[in-house]
Amino acid sequence: MSTAAEEFNFKIDQFPEGEKSFIELPFTVSNDVERIEVSYHFPFGGGGSVIDIGVAQHGVMRGWSGAERGFITIEENRTTPGYDRGPLPGQWHVVLGIVKIGPDCKVDVTVRLVPRKGRWLAGELHSHSEHSDGGVTVYDAIHRARAARLDFLAITDHNTISQNTIRPDDPEMLVIPAMELTSFYGHTNFLGLNRPIVDWRCRSPRDVANKMAEASANGATIIINHPFQNSAGGRWQAGFDVTFDALEIWNGLWTPMNEQALAFWQVLLVSGRQVPVTGGSDFHLKNRRRHGHPANRLYVEGTAIADILEAVKLGRNVVASSPEDTMVKPVADITPPFGEILPQGATVALEFSGLAIGDEIRVITEKGLVDTIQSTAGRHLLERMLECQFIRFEVWHGAKPRLFTNPYYSE
């Protein structure tokens, strides 16, 4: 994957078809590009020139801004207003609309293709709005997520998708289309699609499994929610031999149901299953929870919603108590992201930050808790050799969890 941006520069001083014509400037976008940036300049004011601009992909217009904007950005899921979201790879053209040609008219156009790169993002994967029982508008939910300094938000309203039709322009927030399948036999989130299934009604646990398979076949990312919730419908009753991508082990405030989910996840790992985990505030206005508490701190390759969901499925997630609290990251160039399969004997090097005196770092394998380290400073560098089936890490302050990593697995 390239690390340097590719740049194309065009200088136009000939207009063979005169005014009321178009000039197209070609460029190609590869799979490793995450953002297209287009800027242009032409004499204006006393020069009298008027040159409009837009872009086309595969011969079809993807947006137009006239002469209003001198700088345009296009990503898969967020763009300058006036431009369509969508996949980037393919053949593109900058399209110049030649409205008026003034004296000595020249147009300078620069196209910059920014490559995909790894970054840490924080976000919410389980929340609600007034489209079910959340008590706030979609706009309010996005405002709350921004105030919590989140990068992405999934509004997972119960058995409805109407919230997915509201996509306000907000370049600072990726809003993931979602739905929470809410059945008599448990709840599960479908992420990434405006309409993941045709009909949500489930009359048996087998129906739940079938709906999950349908959503997965359509391309949804599936998370089983609060599997040990103490309610008749909230407790998971459809089994774990169903189609799902991750398990929510931290829902809202830390309670016994989360303790049970954490313990059950350990059982699954010991049995040999590689199950990624997530957290979610499960925000409803009436339950006084806050977006991003807990938060999903994801290592993501790119800026698109698809990149976020791929990171969820790969287990590149640190489930932390908040977006800005205690954190742990693999040491660059030594250890890959969480969720990876490593050779036996590989060194896992991690840097913990935001620690408080009294925090306890726990090292856990298939043998259970194998080591604890008491924090004496805000940062701690930890190295362990992978000599086990899997290894994962937790931070606690007394009886309160601060974070859980997904595991590293051995070959």
Protein backbone atom coordinates (compact mmCIF):
# COMPACT_ATOMS: atom_id res chain seq x y z
CA MET A 1 0.00 0.00 0.00
CA SER A 2 1.37 3.38 -1.03
CA THR A 3 2.03 5.94 1.71
CA ALA A 4 2.50 9.04 -0.48
CA ALA A 5 -0.33 10.89 -2.17
CA GLU A 6 -0.40 10.80 -5.97
CA GLU A 7 -0.88 14.16 -7.65
CA PHE A 8 -1.98 15.22 -11.14
CA ASN A 9 -1.61 18.78 -12.38
CA PHE A 10 -3.46 20.15 -15.39
CA LYS A 11 -2.91 23.57 -16.99
CA ILE A 12 -5.62 24.59 -19.45
CA ASP A 13 -5.11 27.62 -21.70
CA GLN A 14 -6.83 26.38 -24.87
CA PHE A 15 -10.62 26.19 -25.21
CA PRO A 16 -11.21 24.72 -28.68
CA GLU A 17 -15.01 24.57 -28.38
CA GLY A 18 -15.28 28.04 -26.86
CA GLU A 19 -17.86 29.09 -24.32
CA LYS A 20 -20.79 26.87 -23.34
CA SER A 21 -18.66 23.77 -23.64
CA PHE A 22 -17.01 21.19 -21.39
CA ILE A 23 -13.43 20.02 -20.94
CA GLU A 24 -12.75 16.64 -19.28
CA LEU A 25 -9.47 15.86 -17.50
CA PRO A 26 -8.91 12.13 -16.88
CA PHE A 27 -7.42 10.38 -13.85
CA THR A 28 -7.61 6.84 -12.47
CA VAL A 29 -8.34 5.90 -8.86
CA SER A 30 -7.00 2.59 -7.53
CA ASN A 31 -8.32 0.44 -4.68
CA ASP A 32 -5.85 1.85 -2.15
CA VAL A 33 -7.16 5.44 -2.35
CA GLU A 34 -9.33 6.71 0.52
CA ARG A 35 -9.88 10.32 -0.57
CA ILE A 36 -9.94 12.38 -3.77
CA GLU A 37 -9.04 16.05 -3.46
CA VAL A 38 -9.65 18.42 -6.38
CA SER A 39 -8.63 22.08 -6.37
CA TYR A 40 -8.66 24.62 -9.19
CA HIS A 41 -7.98 28.26 -9.92
CA PHE A 42 -8.75 30.61 -12.78
CA PRO A 43 -8.59 34.40 -13.23
CA PHE A 44 -11.71 36.05 -11.91
CA GLY A 45 -12.84 39.53 -10.97
CA GLY A 46 -11.48 41.87 -13.60
CA GLY A 47 -10.52 38.94 -15.81
CA GLY A 48 -14.14 38.12 -16.47
CA SER A 49 -13.65 34.34 -16.76
CA VAL A 50 -16.27 31.97 -15.34
CA ILE A 51 -15.26 28.31 -15.19
CA ASP A 52 -17.49 25.78 -13.40
CA ILE A 53 -16.25 22.46 -12.01
CA GLY A 54 -17.53 18.98 -11.17
CA VAL A 55 -16.39 15.37 -11.37
CA ALA A 56 -17.57 12.28 -13.20
CA GLN A 57 -16.87 8.59 -12.64
CA HIS A 58 -17.20 6.08 -15.50
CA GLY A 59 -18.76 8.82 -17.60
CA VAL A 60 -21.52 9.63 -15.08
CA MET A 61 -21.51 12.84 -13.04
CA ARG A 62 -20.77 12.36 -9.31
CA GLY A 63 -21.20 16.01 -8.40
CA TRP A 64 -21.16 19.63 -9.49
CA SER A 65 -20.40 22.86 -7.64
CA GLY A 66 -20.32 25.41 -10.43
CA ALA A 67 -17.81 28.15 -9.67
CA GLU A 68 -18.74 28.23 -5.98
CA ARG A 69 -15.94 26.04 -4.62
CA GLY A 70 -12.24 25.98 -5.28
CA PHE A 71 -11.63 22.79 -3.28
CA ILE A 72 -13.56 19.49 -3.31
CA THR A 73 -13.08 16.26 -1.37
CA ILE A 74 -14.72 12.92 -2.09
CA GLU A 75 -14.60 9.83 0.13
CA GLU A 76 -16.76 6.73 0.01
CA ASN A 77 -19.07 7.86 2.81
CA ARG A 78 -18.53 11.61 3.09
CA THR A 79 -18.06 14.30 0.50
CA THR A 80 -18.15 18.02 -0.09
CA PRO A 81 -21.85 19.06 -0.35
CA GLY A 82 -23.06 18.68 -3.91
CA TYR A 83 -21.14 15.44 -4.51
CA ASP A 84 -22.38 11.88 -4.24
CA ARG A 85 -21.04 9.29 -1.82
CA GLY A 86 -19.99 5.94 -3.25
CA PRO A 87 -17.06 3.67 -4.16
CA LEU A 88 -13.93 5.42 -5.41
CA PRO A 89 -11.99 2.98 -7.64
CA GLY A 90 -12.31 3.51 -11.36
CA GLN A 91 -11.89 5.98 -14.18
CA TRP A 92 -12.65 9.59 -13.29
CA HIS A 93 -12.72 12.99 -14.98
CA VAL A 94 -12.61 16.50 -13.66
CA VAL A 95 -15.27 18.24 -15.70
CA LEU A 96 -14.83 21.94 -16.42
CA GLY A 97 -17.84 23.90 -17.57
CA ILE A 98 -16.63 26.74 -19.79
CA VAL A 99 -19.13 29.51 -19.08
CA LYS A 100 -17.15 32.62 -20.01
CA ILE A 101 -13.61 32.99 -21.33
CA GLY A 102 -11.95 36.21 -20.23
CA PRO A 103 -8.67 37.72 -21.47
CA ASP A 104 -5.67 35.37 -21.05
CA CYS A 105 -7.88 32.77 -19.34
CA LYS A 106 -5.93 29.91 -17.81
CA VAL A 107 -7.19 27.17 -15.50
CA ASP A 108 -4.92 25.31 -13.09
CA VAL A 109 -6.39 22.02 -11.78
CA THR A 110 -4.79 19.74 -9.20
CA VAL A 111 -6.05 16.26 -8.35
CA ARG A 112 -4.59 14.66 -5.25
CA LEU A 113 -5.26 10.99 -4.45
CA VAL A 114 -4.73 10.27 -0.75
CA PRO A 115 -3.91 6.62 0.00
CA ARG A 116 -5.63 4.54 2.64
CA LYS A 117 -3.78 4.38 5.94
CA GLY A 118 -4.21 2.87 9.37
CA ARG A 119 -5.65 5.01 12.16
CA TRP A 120 -7.46 4.67 15.47
CA LEU A 121 -11.11 5.72 15.54
CA ALA A 122 -13.54 5.76 18.46
CA GLY A 123 -17.21 5.11 18.08
CA GLU A 124 -20.60 3.83 19.15
CA LEU A 125 -22.10 0.60 17.80
CA HIS A 126 -25.34 0.40 19.83
CA SER A 127 -27.69 3.34 20.40
CA HIS A 128 -31.25 4.47 19.79
CA SER A 129 -33.29 7.46 18.61
CA GLU A 130 -36.93 8.51 18.54
CA HIS A 131 -37.41 6.19 15.60
CA SER A 132 -37.88 3.49 18.25
CA ASP A 133 -37.61 4.23 21.98
CA GLY A 134 -34.46 6.36 22.17
CA GLY A 135 -36.19 9.65 22.87
CA VAL A 136 -33.95 11.89 20.73
CA THR A 137 -33.92 12.87 17.08
CA VAL A 138 -31.25 11.57 14.72
CA TYR A 139 -29.76 15.06 14.63
CA ASP A 140 -29.61 15.16 18.43
CA ALA A 141 -28.02 11.70 18.54
CA ILE A 142 -25.31 12.84 16.12
CA HIS A 143 -24.74 16.01 18.15
CA ARG A 144 -24.35 13.94 21.33
CA ALA A 145 -21.90 11.60 19.62
CA ARG A 146 -19.85 14.55 18.38
CA ALA A 147 -19.86 16.07 21.87
CA ALA A 148 -18.48 12.75 23.12
CA ARG A 149 -15.67 13.11 20.55
CA LEU A 150 -16.67 10.03 18.62
CA ASP A 151 -15.73 9.39 14.99
CA PHE A 152 -18.62 7.08 14.09
CA LEU A 153 -22.12 6.27 15.29
CA ALA A 154 -24.57 3.44 14.65
CA ILE A 155 -28.21 4.24 15.45
CA THR A 156 -29.62 0.75 15.97
CA ASP A 157 -33.32 1.35 16.41
CA HIS A 158 -35.54 -1.60 17.24
CA ASN A 159 -37.01 -3.39 14.23
CA THR A 160 -37.03 -0.27 12.07
CA ILE A 161 -34.86 1.34 9.43
CA SER A 162 -36.52 4.75 9.07
CA GLN A 163 -33.62 6.38 10.94
CA ASN A 164 -31.31 5.32 8.10
CA THR A 165 -33.02 7.66 5.64
CA ILE A 166 -31.84 10.71 7.59
CA ARG A 167 -28.25 11.47 6.60
CA PRO A 168 -27.41 15.06 7.55
CA ASP A 169 -24.23 16.59 6.17
CA ASP A 170 -21.64 16.21 8.91
CA PRO A 171 -18.06 15.74 7.76
CA GLU A 172 -16.94 14.93 11.31
CA MET A 173 -19.23 11.96 11.88
CA LEU A 174 -19.72 8.70 10.01
CA VAL A 175 -23.28 7.48 10.60
CA ILE A 176 -23.51 3.73 10.08
CA PRO A 177 -26.89 2.48 8.80
CA ALA A 178 -28.18 -0.11 11.24
CA MET A 179 -31.07 -1.92 12.88
CA GLU A 180 -31.44 -3.89 16.09
CA LEU A 181 -33.39 -7.08 15.48
CA THR A 182 -35.47 -7.20 18.65
CA SER A 183 -37.18 -10.54 19.12
CA PHE A 184 -38.77 -12.56 21.90
CA TYR A 185 -35.55 -14.58 21.91
CA GLY A 186 -32.82 -11.94 22.11
CA HIS A 187 -31.47 -8.87 20.35
CA THR A 188 -28.84 -8.56 17.63
CA ASN A 189 -27.52 -5.60 15.64
CA PHE A 190 -27.33 -5.57 11.85
CA LEU A 191 -24.81 -2.94 10.74
CA GLY A 192 -23.90 -1.44 7.38
CA LEU A 193 -27.13 -1.69 5.38
CA ASN A 194 -30.14 0.60 5.06
CA ARG A 195 -32.41 -2.47 4.83
CA PRO A 196 -30.66 -5.63 6.07
CA ILE A 197 -33.74 -7.89 6.01
CA VAL A 198 -37.20 -7.83 4.44
CA ASP A 199 -39.27 -8.59 7.57
CA TRP A 200 -38.08 -8.63 11.18
CA ARG A 201 -40.82 -10.73 12.77
CA CYS A 202 -39.54 -13.84 14.57
CA ARG A 203 -41.78 -16.53 16.02
CA SER A 204 -39.04 -18.90 17.20
CA PRO A 205 -35.29 -19.01 17.84
CA ARG A 206 -34.96 -20.65 14.43
CA ASP A 207 -36.55 -17.56 12.87
CA VAL A 208 -33.91 -15.42 14.61
CA ALA A 209 -31.15 -17.58 13.14
CA ASN A 210 -32.74 -17.34 9.68
CA LYS A 211 -32.98 -13.53 9.90
CA MET A 212 -29.31 -13.39 10.89
CA ALA A 213 -28.37 -15.56 7.92
CA GLU A 214 -30.45 -13.34 5.62
CA ALA A 215 -28.78 -10.18 6.91
CA SER A 216 -25.33 -11.72 6.58
CA ALA A 217 -26.03 -12.84 3.01
CA ASN A 218 -27.04 -9.26 2.21
CA GLY A 219 -23.72 -7.98 3.58
CA ALA A 220 -24.58 -6.86 7.13
CA THR A 221 -22.16 -7.07 10.04
CA ILE A 222 -23.91 -8.87 12.90
CA ILE A 223 -23.34 -8.37 16.64
CA ILE A 224 -25.20 -10.34 19.32
CA ASN A 225 -26.23 -7.84 22.00
CA HIS A 226 -26.23 -8.16 25.81
CA PRO A 227 -26.59 -11.98 25.70
CA PHE A 228 -27.25 -12.24 29.45
CA GLN A 229 -29.66 -9.36 29.86
CA ASN A 230 -32.09 -10.14 32.67
CA SER A 231 -35.33 -9.87 30.71
CA ALA A 232 -37.47 -12.39 28.88
CA GLY A 233 -36.83 -10.92 25.45
CA GLY A 234 -33.38 -9.43 25.98
CA ARG A 235 -31.59 -12.62 27.02
CA TRP A 236 -30.07 -14.47 24.07
CA GLN A 237 -31.94 -17.71 23.38
CA ALA A 238 -31.02 -18.51 19.78
CA GLY A 239 -27.71 -20.24 20.56
CA PHE A 240 -24.24 -19.35 19.35
CA ASP A 241 -24.05 -21.67 16.37
CA VAL A 242 -25.66 -18.93 14.32
CA THR A 243 -24.28 -16.45 11.80
CA PHE A 244 -22.67 -13.55 13.68
CA ASP A 245 -19.48 -11.48 13.54
CA ALA A 246 -19.00 -10.23 17.11
CA LEU A 247 -20.36 -10.44 20.65
CA GLU A 248 -21.25 -7.42 22.80
CA ILE A 249 -19.67 -8.02 26.21
CA TRP A 250 -20.01 -4.49 27.64
CA ASN A 251 -23.44 -2.89 27.48
CA GLY A 252 -23.87 0.46 29.24
CA LEU A 253 -22.97 0.52 32.92
CA TRP A 254 -20.94 -2.41 34.21
CA THR A 255 -23.42 -4.89 35.66
CA PRO A 256 -23.66 -8.64 36.39
CA MET A 257 -24.98 -9.29 32.87
CA ASN A 258 -21.71 -7.91 31.48
CA GLU A 259 -19.71 -10.02 33.92
CA GLN A 260 -21.55 -13.07 32.61
CA ALA A 261 -20.89 -12.06 29.00
CA LEU A 262 -17.17 -11.60 29.72
CA ALA A 263 -16.97 -15.01 31.39
CA PHE A 264 -18.87 -16.69 28.56
CA TRP A 265 -16.59 -15.09 25.97
CA GLN A 266 -13.62 -16.64 27.77
CA VAL A 267 -15.36 -20.03 27.54
CA LEU A 268 -15.80 -19.58 23.80
CA LEU A 269 -12.12 -18.66 23.37
CA VAL A 270 -10.93 -21.62 25.41
CA SER A 271 -13.08 -23.91 23.22
CA GLY A 272 -11.09 -22.68 20.20
CA ARG A 273 -13.54 -20.16 18.75
CA GLN A 274 -12.19 -16.82 17.58
CA VAL A 275 -15.01 -14.44 18.51
CA PRO A 276 -14.42 -10.66 18.35
CA VAL A 277 -16.08 -8.53 21.01
CA THR A 278 -17.58 -5.05 21.12
CA GLY A 279 -19.21 -2.65 23.55
CA GLY A 280 -22.13 -0.27 23.28
CA SER A 281 -23.80 2.36 25.42
CA ASP A 282 -27.27 1.16 24.33
CA PHE A 283 -28.25 4.81 24.70
CA HIS A 284 -31.88 5.65 25.43
CA LEU A 285 -32.68 9.08 26.82
CA LYS A 286 -34.64 7.45 29.64
CA ASN A 287 -31.69 5.32 30.80
CA ARG A 288 -29.40 8.38 31.08
CA ARG A 289 -26.50 6.67 29.34
CA ARG A 290 -23.94 8.55 27.27
CA HIS A 291 -22.79 7.79 23.75
CA GLY A 292 -19.36 6.20 23.75
CA HIS A 293 -19.55 4.84 27.30
CA PRO A 294 -18.22 2.27 26.65
CA ALA A 295 -16.46 3.05 23.38
CA ASN A 296 -15.10 0.94 20.58
CA ARG A 297 -11.52 2.02 19.88
CA LEU A 298 -10.88 0.51 16.45
CA TYR A 299 -7.74 0.31 14.34
CA VAL A 300 -9.13 1.01 10.88
CA GLU A 301 -7.50 0.87 7.44
CA GLY A 302 -9.25 3.80 5.77
CA THR A 303 -12.12 6.20 6.40
CA ALA A 304 -15.16 4.36 5.04
CA ILE A 305 -17.96 2.66 6.96
CA ALA A 306 -16.88 -0.60 5.32
CA ASP A 307 -13.41 -0.14 6.84
CA ILE A 308 -14.92 0.30 10.32
CA LEU A 309 -17.06 -2.81 10.02
CA GLU A 310 -14.16 -4.83 8.64
CA ALA A 311 -12.15 -3.85 11.72
CA VAL A 312 -15.01 -5.03 13.95
CA LYS A 313 -15.04 -8.42 12.23
CA LEU A 314 -11.26 -8.75 12.45
CA GLY A 315 -11.24 -8.02 16.18
CA ARG A 316 -9.16 -4.86 15.86
CA ASN A 317 -11.05 -3.39 18.78
CA VAL A 318 -10.26 -2.20 22.28
CA VAL A 319 -13.49 -1.94 24.25
CA ALA A 320 -12.77 0.96 26.59
CA SER A 321 -14.76 2.75 29.26
CA SER A 322 -14.84 5.96 27.19
CA PRO A 323 -13.44 7.49 23.99
CA GLU A 324 -10.63 9.29 25.84
CA ASP A 325 -9.90 7.15 28.88
CA THR A 326 -7.34 4.41 29.40
CA MET A 327 -6.06 2.95 26.14
CA VAL A 328 -3.63 0.32 24.87
CA LYS A 329 -2.06 0.12 21.43
CA PRO A 330 0.36 -2.36 19.83
CA VAL A 331 3.86 -0.97 19.53
CA ALA A 332 4.32 0.01 15.89
CA ASP A 333 6.63 -2.13 13.72
CA ILE A 334 6.74 -4.81 16.43
CA THR A 335 3.19 -6.01 16.94
CA PRO A 336 0.29 -6.05 14.46
CA PRO A 337 -3.27 -4.98 15.35
CA PHE A 338 -5.37 -6.95 17.82
CA GLY A 339 -7.19 -9.96 16.43
CA GLU A 340 -4.23 -11.20 14.39
CA ILE A 341 -2.95 -14.78 14.24
CA LEU A 342 0.76 -14.89 15.16
CA PRO A 343 3.44 -17.59 15.18
CA GLN A 344 4.07 -19.41 18.41
CA GLY A 345 6.81 -17.57 20.30
CA ALA A 346 6.09 -14.19 18.71
CA THR A 347 6.57 -11.17 20.95
CA VAL A 348 3.50 -9.07 21.72
CA ALA A 349 4.51 -5.52 22.67
CA LEU A 350 1.85 -3.12 23.91
CA GLU A 351 1.84 0.42 25.27
CA PHE A 352 -0.81 1.30 27.84
CA SER A 353 -1.69 4.96 28.37
CA GLY A 354 -4.01 6.96 30.57
CA LEU A 355 -3.41 4.68 33.53
CA ALA A 356 -4.13 5.78 37.09
CA ILE A 357 -2.44 4.70 40.27
CA GLY A 358 -4.25 1.59 41.40
CA ASP A 359 -5.08 0.35 37.91
CA GLU A 360 -4.36 -3.32 37.36
CA ILE A 361 -3.28 -4.72 33.99
CA ARG A 362 -4.38 -8.34 33.62
CA VAL A 363 -2.91 -10.88 31.20
CA ILE A 364 -5.32 -13.67 30.25
CA THR A 365 -4.86 -16.84 28.21
CA GLU A 366 -6.72 -20.13 27.93
CA LYS A 367 -5.34 -20.88 31.40
CA GLY A 368 -7.19 -17.87 32.77
CA LEU A 369 -5.53 -14.98 34.58
CA VAL A 370 -1.79 -15.61 34.30
CA ASP A 371 -0.31 -12.27 35.39
CA THR A 372 -1.24 -8.94 36.91
CA ILE A 373 0.74 -5.68 36.84
CA GLN A 374 -0.02 -2.83 39.21
CA SER A 375 0.16 0.58 37.56
CA THR A 376 2.67 3.03 39.01
CA ALA A 377 2.60 5.59 36.20
CA GLY A 378 0.35 6.88 33.43
CA ARG A 379 2.09 4.75 30.81
CA HIS A 380 3.31 1.19 30.83
CA LEU A 381 5.14 -0.84 28.18
CA LEU A 382 4.30 -4.53 28.36
CA GLU A 383 5.92 -7.37 26.40
CA ARG A 384 4.80 -10.98 26.41
CA MET A 385 5.78 -14.00 24.35
CA LEU A 386 2.89 -15.81 22.70
CA GLU A 387 3.28 -19.32 24.09
CA CYS A 388 -0.39 -20.13 24.38
CA GLN A 389 -3.57 -20.61 22.37
CA PHE A 390 -4.49 -16.94 22.72
CA ILE A 391 -3.57 -13.95 24.81
CA ARG A 392 -5.65 -10.91 25.70
CA PHE A 393 -5.44 -8.01 28.14
CA GLU A 394 -7.70 -6.16 30.53
CA VAL A 395 -7.36 -3.10 32.77
CA TRP A 396 -9.35 -2.81 35.99
CA HIS A 397 -9.55 -0.28 38.79
CA GLY A 398 -10.85 -2.28 41.71
CA ALA A 399 -14.16 -3.80 40.61
CA LYS A 400 -14.53 -1.40 37.67
CA PRO A 401 -13.24 -2.35 34.20
CA ARG A 402 -11.33 0.21 32.17
CA LEU A 403 -10.73 -1.76 28.97
CA PHE A 404 -10.70 -5.16 27.26
CA THR A 405 -8.61 -6.02 24.21
CA ASN A 406 -9.48 -8.59 21.63
CA PRO A 407 -7.02 -11.51 21.65
CA TYR A 408 -3.98 -12.41 19.67
CA TYR A 409 -4.21 -16.01 18.51
CA SER A 410 -1.38 -18.45 17.89
CA GLU A 411 -1.01 -20.41 14.69
